[in-house]
Amino acid sequence: MSVDNDLRGEDDLLLERQLCFALSVASRSVVAAYRPVLEPMGLTHPQYLVMLALWERSPRTVRDVSDALLLEPATVTPLLKRLEEADLVTRARQAGNERALDVALTDKGRKLREKALAVPPTMMSRLGITREDAAELHQSMMKLIAAAQASRT
């Protein structure tokens, strides 16, 4: 590869230069690394994300959970149903607003948070990163997410 070709961007289509490829592989790899950590808690990675949102604040509406996770309500609803079947959350119509559905933690769901406290340090260890590395990666990803969302409008 010559420097001239590189400066003209002729190698921009190399797989190794694709941001989308790196992000896709990183996402799949990290989610797979979470699997054995979350399994003993009875959670999948998407369910874990829902629980994180509810551990921050409960009750929340389905719409609020969806917005927090940047997912459509139709994607979140099946996750909530499974979490309800596991007795981790309850779903109930909001008083005075029949269209809104409140999601709240059960006692079992609140208690699961204690076990979940071990997940972040375990994952940092499994991935070989420090808390500072994780914060830096998170900041970069959030900047990328914001830019991608802004480009859609």
C-alpha atoms as a PDB file:
ATOM      1  CA  MET A   1       0.000   0.000   0.000  1.00  0.00           C
ATOM      2  CA  SER A   2       1.474   3.339  -0.981  1.00  0.00           C
ATOM      3  CA  VAL A   3       1.139   6.537   0.986  1.00  0.00           C
ATOM      4  CA  ASP A   4      -0.479   8.196  -2.058  1.00  0.00           C
ATOM      5  CA  ASN A   5      -3.280   5.588  -2.152  1.00  0.00           C
ATOM      6  CA  ASP A   6      -3.819   5.972   1.572  1.00  0.00           C
ATOM      7  CA  LEU A   7      -4.068   9.776   1.355  1.00  0.00           C
ATOM      8  CA  ARG A   8      -6.689   9.523  -1.391  1.00  0.00           C
ATOM      9  CA  GLY A   9      -8.805   7.292   0.813  1.00  0.00           C
ATOM     10  CA  GLU A  10      -8.605   4.345  -1.561  1.00  0.00           C
ATOM     11  CA  ASP A  11      -8.197   1.993   1.378  1.00  0.00           C
ATOM     12  CA  ASP A  12     -11.204   3.384   3.240  1.00  0.00           C
ATOM     13  CA  LEU A  13     -13.174   0.267   2.318  1.00  0.00           C
ATOM     14  CA  LEU A  14     -10.807  -2.086   4.091  1.00  0.00           C
ATOM     15  CA  LEU A  15     -12.715  -4.030   6.707  1.00  0.00           C
ATOM     16  CA  GLU A  16     -10.118  -3.103   9.331  1.00  0.00           C
ATOM     17  CA  ARG A  17     -10.969   0.586   8.836  1.00  0.00           C
ATOM     18  CA  GLN A  18     -14.718   0.222   9.206  1.00  0.00           C
ATOM     19  CA  LEU A  19     -16.058   1.754  12.397  1.00  0.00           C
ATOM     20  CA  CYS A  20     -19.292  -0.193  11.960  1.00  0.00           C
ATOM     21  CA  PHE A  21     -17.349  -3.476  11.855  1.00  0.00           C
ATOM     22  CA  ALA A  22     -15.324  -2.706  14.978  1.00  0.00           C
ATOM     23  CA  LEU A  23     -18.436  -1.598  16.880  1.00  0.00           C
ATOM     24  CA  SER A  24     -20.439  -4.634  15.791  1.00  0.00           C
ATOM     25  CA  VAL A  25     -17.746  -7.113  16.791  1.00  0.00           C
ATOM     26  CA  ALA A  26     -17.035  -5.275  20.047  1.00  0.00           C
ATOM     27  CA  SER A  27     -20.736  -5.248  20.934  1.00  0.00           C
ATOM     28  CA  ARG A  28     -21.228  -8.955  20.251  1.00  0.00           C
ATOM     29  CA  SER A  29     -18.027  -9.828  22.102  1.00  0.00           C
ATOM     30  CA  VAL A  30     -18.814  -7.776  25.186  1.00  0.00           C
ATOM     31  CA  VAL A  31     -22.413  -9.016  25.376  1.00  0.00           C
ATOM     32  CA  ALA A  32     -21.124 -12.593  25.086  1.00  0.00           C
ATOM     33  CA  ALA A  33     -18.681 -11.915  27.928  1.00  0.00           C
ATOM     34  CA  TYR A  34     -21.630 -10.790  30.100  1.00  0.00           C
ATOM     35  CA  ARG A  35     -23.571 -14.017  29.498  1.00  0.00           C
ATOM     36  CA  PRO A  36     -21.841 -16.253  32.088  1.00  0.00           C
ATOM     37  CA  VAL A  37     -21.867 -13.425  34.633  1.00  0.00           C
ATOM     38  CA  LEU A  38     -25.593 -12.730  34.249  1.00  0.00           C
ATOM     39  CA  GLU A  39     -26.736 -16.352  33.875  1.00  0.00           C
ATOM     40  CA  PRO A  40     -26.559 -17.156  37.611  1.00  0.00           C
ATOM     41  CA  MET A  41     -28.791 -14.125  38.197  1.00  0.00           C
ATOM     42  CA  GLY A  42     -31.323 -15.498  35.709  1.00  0.00           C
ATOM     43  CA  LEU A  43     -30.923 -12.508  33.386  1.00  0.00           C
ATOM     44  CA  THR A  44     -30.105 -12.026  29.737  1.00  0.00           C
ATOM     45  CA  HIS A  45     -28.135  -8.929  28.772  1.00  0.00           C
ATOM     46  CA  PRO A  46     -31.228  -7.033  27.503  1.00  0.00           C
ATOM     47  CA  GLN A  47     -33.084  -7.930  30.722  1.00  0.00           C
ATOM     48  CA  TYR A  48     -30.089  -6.699  32.729  1.00  0.00           C
ATOM     49  CA  LEU A  49     -30.323  -3.333  30.952  1.00  0.00           C
ATOM     50  CA  VAL A  50     -34.024  -3.075  31.850  1.00  0.00           C
ATOM     51  CA  MET A  51     -33.228  -3.922  35.463  1.00  0.00           C
ATOM     52  CA  LEU A  52     -30.484  -1.270  35.533  1.00  0.00           C
ATOM     53  CA  ALA A  53     -33.032   1.331  34.427  1.00  0.00           C
ATOM     54  CA  LEU A  54     -35.455   0.182  37.120  1.00  0.00           C
ATOM     55  CA  TRP A  55     -32.764   0.086  39.830  1.00  0.00           C
ATOM     56  CA  GLU A  56     -32.153   3.746  39.011  1.00  0.00           C
ATOM     57  CA  ARG A  57     -35.840   4.589  39.404  1.00  0.00           C
ATOM     58  CA  SER A  58     -38.944   2.537  40.036  1.00  0.00           C
ATOM     59  CA  PRO A  59     -41.738   2.709  39.101  1.00  0.00           C
ATOM     60  CA  ARG A  60     -41.254   3.905  35.542  1.00  0.00           C
ATOM     61  CA  THR A  61     -43.598   3.805  32.590  1.00  0.00           C
ATOM     62  CA  VAL A  62     -42.848   1.447  29.731  1.00  0.00           C
ATOM     63  CA  ARG A  63     -42.224   4.530  27.576  1.00  0.00           C
ATOM     64  CA  ASP A  64     -39.744   5.889  30.125  1.00  0.00           C
ATOM     65  CA  VAL A  65     -37.854   2.575  30.261  1.00  0.00           C
ATOM     66  CA  SER A  66     -37.834   2.468  26.450  1.00  0.00           C
ATOM     67  CA  ASP A  67     -36.529   6.022  26.215  1.00  0.00           C
ATOM     68  CA  ALA A  68     -33.817   5.354  28.814  1.00  0.00           C
ATOM     69  CA  LEU A  69     -32.617   2.318  26.829  1.00  0.00           C
ATOM     70  CA  LEU A  70     -33.072   3.967  23.416  1.00  0.00           C
ATOM     71  CA  LEU A  71     -35.354   1.105  22.376  1.00  0.00           C
ATOM     72  CA  GLU A  72     -38.863   0.950  21.004  1.00  0.00           C
ATOM     73  CA  PRO A  73     -41.614   0.030  23.500  1.00  0.00           C
ATOM     74  CA  ALA A  74     -42.419  -2.991  21.299  1.00  0.00           C
ATOM     75  CA  THR A  75     -38.874  -4.250  21.967  1.00  0.00           C
ATOM     76  CA  VAL A  76     -39.040  -3.602  25.714  1.00  0.00           C
ATOM     77  CA  THR A  77     -42.490  -5.132  26.287  1.00  0.00           C
ATOM     78  CA  PRO A  78     -41.446  -8.796  25.801  1.00  0.00           C
ATOM     79  CA  LEU A  79     -38.470  -8.216  28.118  1.00  0.00           C
ATOM     80  CA  LEU A  80     -40.806  -6.830  30.770  1.00  0.00           C
ATOM     81  CA  LYS A  81     -43.160  -9.787  30.367  1.00  0.00           C
ATOM     82  CA  ARG A  82     -40.306 -12.225  31.018  1.00  0.00           C
ATOM     83  CA  LEU A  83     -39.097 -10.188  33.997  1.00  0.00           C
ATOM     84  CA  GLU A  84     -42.654 -10.204  35.350  1.00  0.00           C
ATOM     85  CA  GLU A  85     -42.840 -13.996  34.905  1.00  0.00           C
ATOM     86  CA  ALA A  86     -39.610 -14.219  36.928  1.00  0.00           C
ATOM     87  CA  ASP A  87     -41.275 -12.120  39.671  1.00  0.00           C
ATOM     88  CA  LEU A  88     -38.705  -9.327  39.305  1.00  0.00           C
ATOM     89  CA  VAL A  89     -41.148  -6.618  38.174  1.00  0.00           C
ATOM     90  CA  THR A  90     -44.833  -5.842  38.130  1.00  0.00           C
ATOM     91  CA  ARG A  91     -46.751  -4.082  35.384  1.00  0.00           C
ATOM     92  CA  ALA A  92     -49.928  -2.155  36.108  1.00  0.00           C
ATOM     93  CA  ARG A  93     -52.023   0.491  34.410  1.00  0.00           C
ATOM     94  CA  GLN A  94     -51.219   3.953  35.684  1.00  0.00           C
ATOM     95  CA  ALA A  95     -53.971   5.517  37.797  1.00  0.00           C
ATOM     96  CA  GLY A  96     -55.705   8.218  35.793  1.00  0.00           C
ATOM     97  CA  ASN A  97     -54.022   7.250  32.527  1.00  0.00           C
ATOM     98  CA  GLU A  98     -55.276   3.925  31.198  1.00  0.00           C
ATOM     99  CA  ARG A  99     -52.816   4.070  28.277  1.00  0.00           C
ATOM    100  CA  ALA A 100     -49.680   4.274  30.444  1.00  0.00           C
ATOM    101  CA  LEU A 101     -48.245   1.140  32.004  1.00  0.00           C
ATOM    102  CA  ASP A 102     -46.169   1.465  35.170  1.00  0.00           C
ATOM    103  CA  VAL A 103     -43.339  -0.979  35.741  1.00  0.00           C
ATOM    104  CA  ALA A 104     -42.126  -1.444  39.314  1.00  0.00           C
ATOM    105  CA  LEU A 105     -39.609  -3.668  41.008  1.00  0.00           C
ATOM    106  CA  THR A 106     -40.814  -6.459  43.250  1.00  0.00           C
ATOM    107  CA  ASP A 107     -38.992  -7.281  46.494  1.00  0.00           C
ATOM    108  CA  LYS A 108     -37.170 -10.018  44.593  1.00  0.00           C
ATOM    109  CA  GLY A 109     -36.186  -7.496  41.902  1.00  0.00           C
ATOM    110  CA  ARG A 110     -34.879  -5.033  44.490  1.00  0.00           C
ATOM    111  CA  LYS A 111     -32.891  -7.780  46.234  1.00  0.00           C
ATOM    112  CA  LEU A 112     -31.324  -8.863  42.939  1.00  0.00           C
ATOM    113  CA  ARG A 113     -29.579  -5.475  42.833  1.00  0.00           C
ATOM    114  CA  GLU A 114     -27.288  -6.643  45.645  1.00  0.00           C
ATOM    115  CA  LYS A 115     -26.017  -9.502  43.463  1.00  0.00           C
ATOM    116  CA  ALA A 116     -25.759  -7.157  40.482  1.00  0.00           C
ATOM    117  CA  LEU A 117     -23.310  -4.925  42.342  1.00  0.00           C
ATOM    118  CA  ALA A 118     -20.652  -7.527  41.521  1.00  0.00           C
ATOM    119  CA  VAL A 119     -21.292  -7.343  37.759  1.00  0.00           C
ATOM    120  CA  PRO A 120     -19.340  -4.156  36.866  1.00  0.00           C
ATOM    121  CA  PRO A 121     -16.104  -5.100  38.678  1.00  0.00           C
ATOM    122  CA  THR A 122     -16.382  -8.670  37.383  1.00  0.00           C
ATOM    123  CA  MET A 123     -16.795  -7.423  33.816  1.00  0.00           C
ATOM    124  CA  MET A 124     -13.911  -4.969  34.120  1.00  0.00           C
ATOM    125  CA  SER A 125     -11.736  -7.846  35.284  1.00  0.00           C
ATOM    126  CA  ARG A 126     -12.943 -10.169  32.507  1.00  0.00           C
ATOM    127  CA  LEU A 127     -12.287  -7.477  29.888  1.00  0.00           C
ATOM    128  CA  GLY A 128      -8.966  -6.411  31.385  1.00  0.00           C
ATOM    129  CA  ILE A 129      -9.961  -2.776  31.812  1.00  0.00           C
ATOM    130  CA  THR A 130      -9.895  -0.355  34.723  1.00  0.00           C
ATOM    131  CA  ARG A 131     -12.782   1.734  35.990  1.00  0.00           C
ATOM    132  CA  GLU A 132     -11.126   4.716  34.273  1.00  0.00           C
ATOM    133  CA  ASP A 133     -10.877   2.779  30.989  1.00  0.00           C
ATOM    134  CA  ALA A 134     -14.563   1.892  31.270  1.00  0.00           C
ATOM    135  CA  ALA A 135     -15.514   5.519  31.919  1.00  0.00           C
ATOM    136  CA  GLU A 136     -13.456   6.697  28.940  1.00  0.00           C
ATOM    137  CA  LEU A 137     -14.970   4.068  26.637  1.00  0.00           C
ATOM    138  CA  HIS A 138     -18.455   4.951  27.887  1.00  0.00           C
ATOM    139  CA  GLN A 139     -17.872   8.651  27.232  1.00  0.00           C
ATOM    140  CA  SER A 140     -16.632   7.934  23.694  1.00  0.00           C
ATOM    141  CA  MET A 141     -19.580   5.654  22.970  1.00  0.00           C
ATOM    142  CA  MET A 142     -22.107   8.184  24.288  1.00  0.00           C
ATOM    143  CA  LYS A 143     -20.542  10.867  22.062  1.00  0.00           C
ATOM    144  CA  LEU A 144     -20.819   8.500  19.089  1.00  0.00           C
ATOM    145  CA  ILE A 145     -24.434   7.620  19.949  1.00  0.00           C
ATOM    146  CA  ALA A 146     -25.366  11.303  20.176  1.00  0.00           C
ATOM    147  CA  ALA A 147     -23.712  12.049  16.825  1.00  0.00           C
ATOM    148  CA  ALA A 148     -25.432   9.092  15.151  1.00  0.00           C
ATOM    149  CA  GLN A 149     -28.822  10.115  16.526  1.00  0.00           C
ATOM    150  CA  ALA A 150     -28.306  13.728  15.449  1.00  0.00           C
ATOM    151  CA  SER A 151     -27.465  12.568  11.920  1.00  0.00           C
ATOM    152  CA  ARG A 152     -30.852  10.839  11.654  1.00  0.00           C
ATOM    153  CA  THR A 153     -32.801  14.100  11.872  1.00  0.00           C
END
